[in-house]
Amino acid sequence: MRHSWLQPFVLLAILLVATVAFACPDCATSQVVKASVLGEGFWSHLVMLVVPFLLIGALSAFLYRIGLPSRGMKP
């Protein structure tokens, strides 16, 4: 078997992810992090992050919908 090292590596990766997944969601550190991330200003930051993508997507959909004449066509 050529990839005999792959199995132990995958097992190690799964074990590392599993240990992180079992972390306590109600510990004091977790509560502080949640309060800082989801605190005041969360929605304004989220809107500022998402709006540019929505505008570019809407503009792209509009331009695709109206269609632009190809360069080979003459009016």
C-alpha atoms as a PDB file:
ATOM      1  CA  MET A   1       0.000   0.000   0.000  1.00  0.00           C
ATOM      2  CA  ARG A   2       1.519   3.295  -1.100  1.00  0.00           C
ATOM      3  CA  HIS A   3      -0.196   5.613   1.365  1.00  0.00           C
ATOM      4  CA  SER A   4       0.267   3.733   4.619  1.00  0.00           C
ATOM      5  CA  TRP A   5       1.056   6.988   6.442  1.00  0.00           C
ATOM      6  CA  LEU A   6      -2.305   8.474   5.496  1.00  0.00           C
ATOM      7  CA  GLN A   7      -4.395   6.376   7.878  1.00  0.00           C
ATOM      8  CA  PRO A   8      -2.593   7.425  11.096  1.00  0.00           C
ATOM      9  CA  PHE A   9      -2.601  11.040   9.958  1.00  0.00           C
ATOM     10  CA  VAL A  10      -6.360  10.996   9.361  1.00  0.00           C
ATOM     11  CA  LEU A  11      -6.943   9.329  12.735  1.00  0.00           C
ATOM     12  CA  LEU A  12      -4.842  11.982  14.469  1.00  0.00           C
ATOM     13  CA  ALA A  13      -6.719  14.773  12.695  1.00  0.00           C
ATOM     14  CA  ILE A  14     -10.077  13.273  13.708  1.00  0.00           C
ATOM     15  CA  LEU A  15      -8.959  12.962  17.329  1.00  0.00           C
ATOM     16  CA  LEU A  16      -7.784  16.575  17.397  1.00  0.00           C
ATOM     17  CA  VAL A  17     -11.082  17.817  15.983  1.00  0.00           C
ATOM     18  CA  ALA A  18     -13.023  15.637  18.422  1.00  0.00           C
ATOM     19  CA  THR A  19     -11.172  17.072  21.420  1.00  0.00           C
ATOM     20  CA  VAL A  20     -11.962  20.598  20.289  1.00  0.00           C
ATOM     21  CA  ALA A  21     -15.593  19.651  19.730  1.00  0.00           C
ATOM     22  CA  PHE A  22     -15.908  18.403  23.314  1.00  0.00           C
ATOM     23  CA  ALA A  23     -14.800  21.757  24.738  1.00  0.00           C
ATOM     24  CA  CYS A  24     -17.082  23.206  27.383  1.00  0.00           C
ATOM     25  CA  PRO A  25     -19.496  25.742  25.841  1.00  0.00           C
ATOM     26  CA  ASP A  26     -20.501  27.102  29.260  1.00  0.00           C
ATOM     27  CA  CYS A  27     -17.095  27.744  30.817  1.00  0.00           C
ATOM     28  CA  ALA A  28     -16.088  31.253  31.856  1.00  0.00           C
ATOM     29  CA  THR A  29     -13.724  31.780  28.935  1.00  0.00           C
ATOM     30  CA  SER A  30     -16.392  30.756  26.476  1.00  0.00           C
ATOM     31  CA  GLN A  31     -18.866  33.206  27.981  1.00  0.00           C
ATOM     32  CA  VAL A  32     -16.364  36.064  27.688  1.00  0.00           C
ATOM     33  CA  VAL A  33     -15.619  35.248  24.055  1.00  0.00           C
ATOM     34  CA  LYS A  34     -19.316  35.003  23.181  1.00  0.00           C
ATOM     35  CA  ALA A  35     -20.001  38.341  24.850  1.00  0.00           C
ATOM     36  CA  SER A  36     -17.165  40.030  22.951  1.00  0.00           C
ATOM     37  CA  VAL A  37     -18.115  38.562  19.575  1.00  0.00           C
ATOM     38  CA  LEU A  38     -21.878  38.902  19.858  1.00  0.00           C
ATOM     39  CA  GLY A  39     -21.803  42.136  21.845  1.00  0.00           C
ATOM     40  CA  GLU A  40     -22.820  45.588  20.730  1.00  0.00           C
ATOM     41  CA  GLY A  41     -21.918  46.446  17.169  1.00  0.00           C
ATOM     42  CA  PHE A  42     -22.279  42.857  15.957  1.00  0.00           C
ATOM     43  CA  TRP A  43     -25.124  43.591  13.543  1.00  0.00           C
ATOM     44  CA  SER A  44     -23.557  46.769  12.171  1.00  0.00           C
ATOM     45  CA  HIS A  45     -20.292  44.937  11.495  1.00  0.00           C
ATOM     46  CA  LEU A  46     -22.173  42.066   9.888  1.00  0.00           C
ATOM     47  CA  VAL A  47     -24.095  44.442   7.615  1.00  0.00           C
ATOM     48  CA  MET A  48     -20.912  46.260   6.598  1.00  0.00           C
ATOM     49  CA  LEU A  49     -19.357  42.911   5.742  1.00  0.00           C
ATOM     50  CA  VAL A  50     -22.287  41.548   3.707  1.00  0.00           C
ATOM     51  CA  VAL A  51     -23.609  44.621   1.838  1.00  0.00           C
ATOM     52  CA  PRO A  52     -20.726  44.970  -0.651  1.00  0.00           C
ATOM     53  CA  PHE A  53     -21.175  41.343  -1.753  1.00  0.00           C
ATOM     54  CA  LEU A  54     -24.917  41.867  -2.129  1.00  0.00           C
ATOM     55  CA  LEU A  55     -24.400  44.998  -4.216  1.00  0.00           C
ATOM     56  CA  ILE A  56     -21.850  43.366  -6.498  1.00  0.00           C
ATOM     57  CA  GLY A  57     -24.088  40.303  -6.863  1.00  0.00           C
ATOM     58  CA  ALA A  58     -27.153  42.420  -7.654  1.00  0.00           C
ATOM     59  CA  LEU A  59     -25.227  44.482 -10.212  1.00  0.00           C
ATOM     60  CA  SER A  60     -23.846  41.329 -11.820  1.00  0.00           C
ATOM     61  CA  ALA A  61     -27.305  39.744 -11.989  1.00  0.00           C
ATOM     62  CA  PHE A  62     -28.737  42.929 -13.508  1.00  0.00           C
ATOM     63  CA  LEU A  63     -26.039  43.124 -16.168  1.00  0.00           C
ATOM     64  CA  TYR A  64     -26.462  39.433 -16.944  1.00  0.00           C
ATOM     65  CA  ARG A  65     -30.226  39.854 -17.169  1.00  0.00           C
ATOM     66  CA  ILE A  66     -30.201  42.814 -19.556  1.00  0.00           C
ATOM     67  CA  GLY A  67     -27.424  41.236 -21.581  1.00  0.00           C
ATOM     68  CA  LEU A  68     -24.714  43.096 -23.393  1.00  0.00           C
ATOM     69  CA  PRO A  69     -24.292  42.856 -27.166  1.00  0.00           C
ATOM     70  CA  SER A  70     -21.343  40.767 -28.231  1.00  0.00           C
ATOM     71  CA  ARG A  71     -18.455  42.467 -29.999  1.00  0.00           C
ATOM     72  CA  GLY A  72     -19.137  40.620 -33.238  1.00  0.00           C
ATOM     73  CA  MET A  73     -22.631  42.088 -33.672  1.00  0.00           C
ATOM     74  CA  LYS A  74     -23.054  45.387 -35.492  1.00  0.00           C
ATOM     75  CA  PRO A  75     -26.085  47.574 -34.759  1.00  0.00           C
END
